[in-house]
């Protein structure tokens, strides 16, 4: 399966919007930008999609938007808790900020992951 590189403007948008999340750590996963809080993935970009990790209740709310959907990096393999955020929501700092805040609040409820020792 041929993957498309994340558009530069999507990565720049995420960098800008997540700059307010002081505890977010940017890493690369499969060549794509991903952001972690306490070792748990919070958000990221994959191909043309920007996704956030949301609680079950917040997932149900955002999935009412016609362009939202479960993040599925490989066909038939959706990632639980991760939702592709519609482009019009991503383009609105206020609207995306609302969902980002919900995502941060949710990820902070997940027990921190311990860092693995380097070999």
N, C-alpha and C. Protein backbone atom coordinates (compact mmCIF):
# COMPACT_ATOMS: atom_id res chain seq x y z
N UNK A 1 0.84 -1.18 0.00
CA UNK A 1 0.00 0.00 0.00
C UNK A 1 0.88 1.24 0.00
N UNK A 2 0.65 2.15 -0.92
CA UNK A 2 1.42 3.38 -1.05
C UNK A 2 0.85 4.44 -0.10
N UNK A 3 1.69 4.96 0.79
CA UNK A 3 1.25 6.01 1.70
C UNK A 3 1.63 7.36 1.14
N UNK A 4 0.78 8.33 1.42
CA UNK A 4 1.02 9.70 1.00
C UNK A 4 1.70 10.45 2.15
N UNK A 5 2.68 11.24 1.83
CA UNK A 5 3.38 12.04 2.85
C UNK A 5 2.42 13.08 3.42
N UNK A 6 2.56 13.37 4.71
CA UNK A 6 1.73 14.39 5.37
C UNK A 6 2.04 15.74 4.73
N UNK A 7 1.01 16.46 4.27
CA UNK A 7 1.26 17.79 3.70
C UNK A 7 1.91 18.72 4.73
N UNK A 8 2.85 19.50 4.26
CA UNK A 8 3.59 20.41 5.15
C UNK A 8 2.65 21.32 5.93
N UNK A 9 1.58 21.81 5.29
CA UNK A 9 0.68 22.72 6.01
C UNK A 9 -0.06 22.01 7.15
N UNK A 10 -0.31 20.70 7.03
CA UNK A 10 -0.95 19.96 8.13
C UNK A 10 0.00 19.85 9.32
N UNK A 11 1.27 19.56 9.06
CA UNK A 11 2.24 19.48 10.15
C UNK A 11 2.43 20.85 10.81
N UNK A 12 2.51 21.90 10.00
CA UNK A 12 2.66 23.25 10.55
C UNK A 12 1.43 23.65 11.36
N UNK A 13 0.25 23.28 10.89
CA UNK A 13 -0.99 23.57 11.62
C UNK A 13 -0.97 22.88 12.97
N UNK A 14 -0.61 21.60 13.00
CA UNK A 14 -0.54 20.88 14.28
C UNK A 14 0.51 21.48 15.19
N UNK A 15 1.68 21.80 14.65
CA UNK A 15 2.73 22.42 15.46
C UNK A 15 2.22 23.69 16.12
N UNK A 16 1.53 24.51 15.35
CA UNK A 16 1.02 25.78 15.87
C UNK A 16 -0.07 25.55 16.92
N UNK A 17 -1.02 24.68 16.61
CA UNK A 17 -2.15 24.47 17.51
C UNK A 17 -1.74 23.73 18.79
N UNK A 18 -0.74 22.88 18.70
CA UNK A 18 -0.32 22.14 19.88
C UNK A 18 0.78 22.86 20.66
N UNK A 19 1.24 24.00 20.16
CA UNK A 19 2.26 24.75 20.89
C UNK A 19 1.75 25.22 22.25
N UNK A 20 0.44 25.33 22.40
CA UNK A 20 -0.13 25.76 23.68
C UNK A 20 -0.20 24.62 24.71
N UNK A 21 0.01 23.40 24.26
CA UNK A 21 -0.01 22.23 25.16
C UNK A 21 1.42 22.00 25.62
N UNK A 22 1.76 22.60 26.76
CA UNK A 22 3.15 22.59 27.21
C UNK A 22 3.70 21.20 27.44
N UNK A 23 2.86 20.27 27.88
CA UNK A 23 3.36 18.93 28.19
C UNK A 23 3.41 18.03 26.96
N UNK A 24 3.01 18.52 25.78
CA UNK A 24 3.02 17.69 24.57
C UNK A 24 4.43 17.54 24.03
N UNK A 25 4.76 16.32 23.69
CA UNK A 25 6.07 15.99 23.14
C UNK A 25 5.87 15.51 21.71
N UNK A 26 6.55 16.14 20.78
CA UNK A 26 6.43 15.75 19.37
C UNK A 26 7.43 14.64 19.06
N UNK A 27 6.93 13.61 18.39
CA UNK A 27 7.76 12.50 17.94
C UNK A 27 7.32 12.14 16.52
N UNK A 28 8.07 11.27 15.89
CA UNK A 28 7.71 10.75 14.57
C UNK A 28 7.28 9.30 14.74
N UNK A 29 6.17 8.97 14.09
CA UNK A 29 5.71 7.58 14.03
C UNK A 29 5.50 7.25 12.56
N UNK A 30 6.26 6.30 12.06
CA UNK A 30 6.18 5.91 10.65
C UNK A 30 6.37 7.12 9.73
N UNK A 31 7.24 8.04 10.16
CA UNK A 31 7.53 9.22 9.37
C UNK A 31 6.51 10.34 9.49
N UNK A 32 5.49 10.15 10.32
CA UNK A 32 4.43 11.15 10.49
C UNK A 32 4.54 11.81 11.85
N UNK A 33 4.14 13.09 11.95
CA UNK A 33 4.20 13.76 13.25
C UNK A 33 3.13 13.23 14.19
N UNK A 34 3.52 13.00 15.44
CA UNK A 34 2.59 12.57 16.48
C UNK A 34 2.98 13.30 17.77
N UNK A 35 2.00 13.56 18.60
CA UNK A 35 2.20 14.30 19.83
C UNK A 35 1.75 13.44 21.00
N UNK A 36 2.58 13.41 22.04
CA UNK A 36 2.35 12.56 23.19
C UNK A 36 2.29 13.39 24.47
N UNK A 37 1.47 12.93 25.41
CA UNK A 37 1.41 13.51 26.75
C UNK A 37 1.54 12.35 27.72
N UNK A 38 2.49 12.42 28.63
CA UNK A 38 2.74 11.35 29.60
C UNK A 38 2.95 10.00 28.92
N UNK A 39 3.52 10.00 27.73
CA UNK A 39 3.81 8.77 27.02
C UNK A 39 2.65 8.22 26.20
N UNK A 40 1.48 8.84 26.26
CA UNK A 40 0.31 8.39 25.50
C UNK A 40 0.07 9.33 24.33
N UNK A 41 -0.23 8.75 23.17
CA UNK A 41 -0.45 9.58 22.00
C UNK A 41 -1.71 10.41 22.16
N UNK A 42 -1.59 11.68 21.86
CA UNK A 42 -2.67 12.66 21.96
C UNK A 42 -3.23 13.00 20.59
N UNK A 43 -2.34 13.24 19.64
CA UNK A 43 -2.76 13.75 18.33
C UNK A 43 -1.69 13.40 17.30
N UNK A 44 -2.07 13.56 16.04
CA UNK A 44 -1.10 13.33 14.99
C UNK A 44 -1.68 13.63 13.63
N UNK A 45 -0.84 13.42 12.64
CA UNK A 45 -1.24 13.59 11.25
C UNK A 45 -0.79 12.35 10.49
N UNK A 46 -1.61 11.94 9.55
CA UNK A 46 -1.30 10.78 8.72
C UNK A 46 -1.92 11.03 7.36
N UNK A 47 -1.10 11.01 6.34
CA UNK A 47 -1.52 11.36 5.00
C UNK A 47 -2.23 12.72 5.04
N UNK A 48 -3.50 12.81 4.64
CA UNK A 48 -4.22 14.09 4.68
C UNK A 48 -4.99 14.32 5.97
N UNK A 49 -4.95 13.35 6.89
CA UNK A 49 -5.77 13.41 8.10
C UNK A 49 -5.04 13.98 9.29
N UNK A 50 -5.79 14.68 10.12
CA UNK A 50 -5.35 15.12 11.45
C UNK A 50 -6.30 14.43 12.42
N UNK A 51 -5.72 13.81 13.45
CA UNK A 51 -6.56 13.05 14.38
C UNK A 51 -6.25 13.41 15.83
N UNK A 52 -7.25 13.19 16.69
CA UNK A 52 -7.13 13.41 18.12
C UNK A 52 -7.63 12.17 18.85
N UNK A 53 -7.11 11.95 20.05
CA UNK A 53 -7.57 10.86 20.92
C UNK A 53 -8.64 11.44 21.83
N UNK A 54 -9.83 10.85 21.78
CA UNK A 54 -10.97 11.40 22.51
C UNK A 54 -11.67 10.33 23.34
N UNK A 55 -12.34 10.78 24.40
CA UNK A 55 -13.14 9.88 25.23
C UNK A 55 -14.31 9.35 24.40
N UNK A 56 -14.95 8.30 24.89
CA UNK A 56 -16.09 7.71 24.18
C UNK A 56 -17.19 8.75 23.96
N UNK A 57 -17.52 9.54 24.99
CA UNK A 57 -18.58 10.55 24.86
C UNK A 57 -18.20 11.60 23.82
N UNK A 58 -16.96 12.06 23.85
CA UNK A 58 -16.52 13.07 22.88
C UNK A 58 -16.45 12.49 21.46
N UNK A 59 -16.10 11.22 21.35
CA UNK A 59 -16.11 10.58 20.03
C UNK A 59 -17.51 10.61 19.44
N UNK A 60 -18.49 10.25 20.26
CA UNK A 60 -19.87 10.22 19.77
C UNK A 60 -20.32 11.61 19.32
N UNK A 61 -19.87 12.63 20.05
CA UNK A 61 -20.25 14.01 19.70
C UNK A 61 -19.63 14.44 18.37
N UNK A 62 -18.32 14.25 18.21
CA UNK A 62 -17.66 14.71 16.98
C UNK A 62 -18.07 13.87 15.78
N UNK A 63 -18.41 12.60 16.00
CA UNK A 63 -18.81 11.74 14.88
C UNK A 63 -20.16 12.14 14.28
N UNK A 64 -20.86 13.07 14.92
CA UNK A 64 -22.08 13.62 14.33
C UNK A 64 -21.75 14.51 13.14
N UNK A 65 -20.53 15.01 13.09
CA UNK A 65 -20.07 15.83 11.97
C UNK A 65 -19.89 14.91 10.76
N UNK A 66 -20.42 15.27 9.60
CA UNK A 66 -20.36 14.36 8.45
C UNK A 66 -18.96 14.02 7.96
N UNK A 67 -17.96 14.85 8.24
CA UNK A 67 -16.61 14.59 7.74
C UNK A 67 -15.69 13.98 8.79
N UNK A 68 -16.21 13.67 9.98
CA UNK A 68 -15.41 13.03 11.02
C UNK A 68 -15.50 11.52 10.85
N UNK A 69 -14.49 10.82 11.32
CA UNK A 69 -14.51 9.36 11.25
C UNK A 69 -13.41 8.78 12.11
N UNK A 70 -13.46 7.49 12.30
CA UNK A 70 -12.42 6.82 13.07
C UNK A 70 -11.12 6.81 12.27
N UNK A 71 -10.02 7.03 12.95
CA UNK A 71 -8.71 7.02 12.32
C UNK A 71 -8.35 5.58 11.96
N UNK A 72 -8.16 5.32 10.68
CA UNK A 72 -7.88 3.98 10.19
C UNK A 72 -6.65 4.06 9.28
N UNK A 73 -5.44 3.93 9.87
CA UNK A 73 -4.23 4.07 9.06
C UNK A 73 -4.06 2.97 8.02
N UNK A 74 -4.62 1.80 8.28
CA UNK A 74 -4.60 0.69 7.32
C UNK A 74 -6.02 0.18 7.15
N UNK A 75 -6.44 -0.14 5.95
CA UNK A 75 -7.81 -0.61 5.74
C UNK A 75 -8.17 -1.75 6.69
N UNK A 76 -9.33 -1.60 7.33
CA UNK A 76 -9.81 -2.63 8.24
C UNK A 76 -9.16 -2.62 9.61
N UNK A 77 -8.30 -1.63 9.89
CA UNK A 77 -7.57 -1.57 11.16
C UNK A 77 -7.77 -0.21 11.85
N UNK A 78 -9.01 0.11 12.26
CA UNK A 78 -9.22 1.39 12.94
C UNK A 78 -8.52 1.41 14.30
N UNK A 79 -8.06 2.59 14.67
CA UNK A 79 -7.42 2.75 15.98
C UNK A 79 -8.48 3.27 16.95
N UNK A 80 -8.74 2.47 17.96
CA UNK A 80 -9.71 2.82 18.98
C UNK A 80 -9.34 4.16 19.60
N UNK A 81 -10.32 4.96 19.89
CA UNK A 81 -10.19 6.25 20.57
C UNK A 81 -9.68 7.39 19.70
N UNK A 82 -9.23 7.13 18.49
CA UNK A 82 -8.67 8.18 17.64
C UNK A 82 -9.66 8.55 16.54
N UNK A 83 -9.92 9.85 16.43
CA UNK A 83 -10.91 10.35 15.49
C UNK A 83 -10.26 11.34 14.52
N UNK A 84 -10.53 11.16 13.23
CA UNK A 84 -10.08 12.12 12.21
C UNK A 84 -10.95 13.36 12.36
N UNK A 85 -10.30 14.48 12.54
CA UNK A 85 -10.99 15.75 12.74
C UNK A 85 -11.28 16.37 11.37
N UNK A 86 -12.53 16.79 11.14
CA UNK A 86 -12.88 17.36 9.83
C UNK A 86 -12.02 18.59 9.50
N UNK A 87 -11.70 18.78 8.22
CA UNK A 87 -10.85 19.91 7.81
C UNK A 87 -11.39 21.27 8.26
N UNK A 88 -12.71 21.48 8.20
CA UNK A 88 -13.23 22.79 8.61
C UNK A 88 -13.04 23.03 10.10
N UNK A 89 -13.03 21.99 10.90
CA UNK A 89 -12.76 22.13 12.34
C UNK A 89 -11.28 22.45 12.54
N UNK A 90 -10.41 21.79 11.79
CA UNK A 90 -8.96 22.04 11.90
C UNK A 90 -8.60 23.47 11.52
N UNK A 91 -9.33 24.04 10.56
CA UNK A 91 -9.02 25.38 10.08
C UNK A 91 -9.49 26.48 11.04
N UNK A 92 -10.32 26.14 12.01
CA UNK A 92 -10.80 27.11 13.01
C UNK A 92 -10.04 26.90 14.31
N UNK A 93 -9.20 27.87 14.66
CA UNK A 93 -8.43 27.75 15.90
C UNK A 93 -9.35 27.52 17.11
N UNK A 94 -10.46 28.26 17.16
CA UNK A 94 -11.37 28.14 18.30
C UNK A 94 -12.02 26.76 18.34
N UNK A 95 -12.49 26.28 17.21
CA UNK A 95 -13.17 24.98 17.17
C UNK A 95 -12.18 23.84 17.43
N UNK A 96 -11.03 23.89 16.77
CA UNK A 96 -10.03 22.84 17.00
C UNK A 96 -9.55 22.90 18.45
N UNK A 97 -9.37 24.12 18.96
CA UNK A 97 -8.93 24.29 20.34
C UNK A 97 -9.88 23.63 21.33
N UNK A 98 -11.17 23.71 21.05
CA UNK A 98 -12.18 23.07 21.92
C UNK A 98 -11.96 21.56 21.95
N UNK A 99 -11.76 20.96 20.78
CA UNK A 99 -11.55 19.51 20.71
C UNK A 99 -10.20 19.11 21.26
N UNK A 100 -9.18 19.94 21.04
CA UNK A 100 -7.86 19.66 21.57
C UNK A 100 -7.90 19.65 23.10
N UNK A 101 -8.60 20.61 23.67
CA UNK A 101 -8.72 20.66 25.14
C UNK A 101 -9.38 19.38 25.67
N UNK A 102 -10.42 18.92 24.98
CA UNK A 102 -11.09 17.67 25.39
C UNK A 102 -10.13 16.49 25.28
N UNK A 103 -9.33 16.48 24.20
CA UNK A 103 -8.37 15.39 24.01
C UNK A 103 -7.31 15.40 25.11
N UNK A 104 -6.77 16.58 25.44
CA UNK A 104 -5.76 16.68 26.50
C UNK A 104 -6.36 16.23 27.83
N UNK A 105 -7.56 16.70 28.15
CA UNK A 105 -8.22 16.30 29.39
C UNK A 105 -8.35 14.78 29.46
N UNK A 106 -8.73 14.17 28.34
CA UNK A 106 -8.90 12.71 28.32
C UNK A 106 -7.56 11.99 28.48
N UNK A 107 -6.55 12.39 27.72
CA UNK A 107 -5.26 11.71 27.78
C UNK A 107 -4.63 11.85 29.16
N UNK A 108 -4.89 12.95 29.84
CA UNK A 108 -4.34 13.12 31.19
C UNK A 108 -4.97 12.15 32.20
N UNK A 109 -6.10 11.53 31.85
CA UNK A 109 -6.71 10.53 32.74
C UNK A 109 -6.05 9.16 32.59
N UNK A 110 -5.25 8.99 31.54
CA UNK A 110 -4.58 7.71 31.29
C UNK A 110 -3.31 7.68 32.13
N UNK A 111 -3.08 6.60 32.86
CA UNK A 111 -1.85 6.54 33.67
C UNK A 111 -0.61 6.73 32.80
N UNK A 112 0.36 7.52 33.30
CA UNK A 112 1.58 7.77 32.52
C UNK A 112 2.31 6.46 32.19
N UNK A 113 2.87 6.42 30.99
CA UNK A 113 3.67 5.25 30.60
C UNK A 113 5.09 5.47 31.06
N UNK A 114 5.69 4.40 31.56
CA UNK A 114 7.08 4.50 31.97
C UNK A 114 7.97 4.39 30.75
N UNK A 115 9.00 5.20 30.73
CA UNK A 115 9.93 5.16 29.60
C UNK A 115 10.72 3.87 29.65
N UNK A 116 10.90 3.28 28.47
CA UNK A 116 11.67 2.05 28.38
C UNK A 116 13.17 2.39 28.41
N UNK A 117 13.92 1.52 29.05
CA UNK A 117 15.37 1.72 29.10
C UNK A 117 15.96 1.49 27.72
N UNK A 118 16.90 2.34 27.36
CA UNK A 118 17.57 2.18 26.07
C UNK A 118 18.56 1.04 26.16
N UNK A 119 18.69 0.32 25.05
CA UNK A 119 19.63 -0.82 25.02
C UNK A 119 21.03 -0.35 24.77
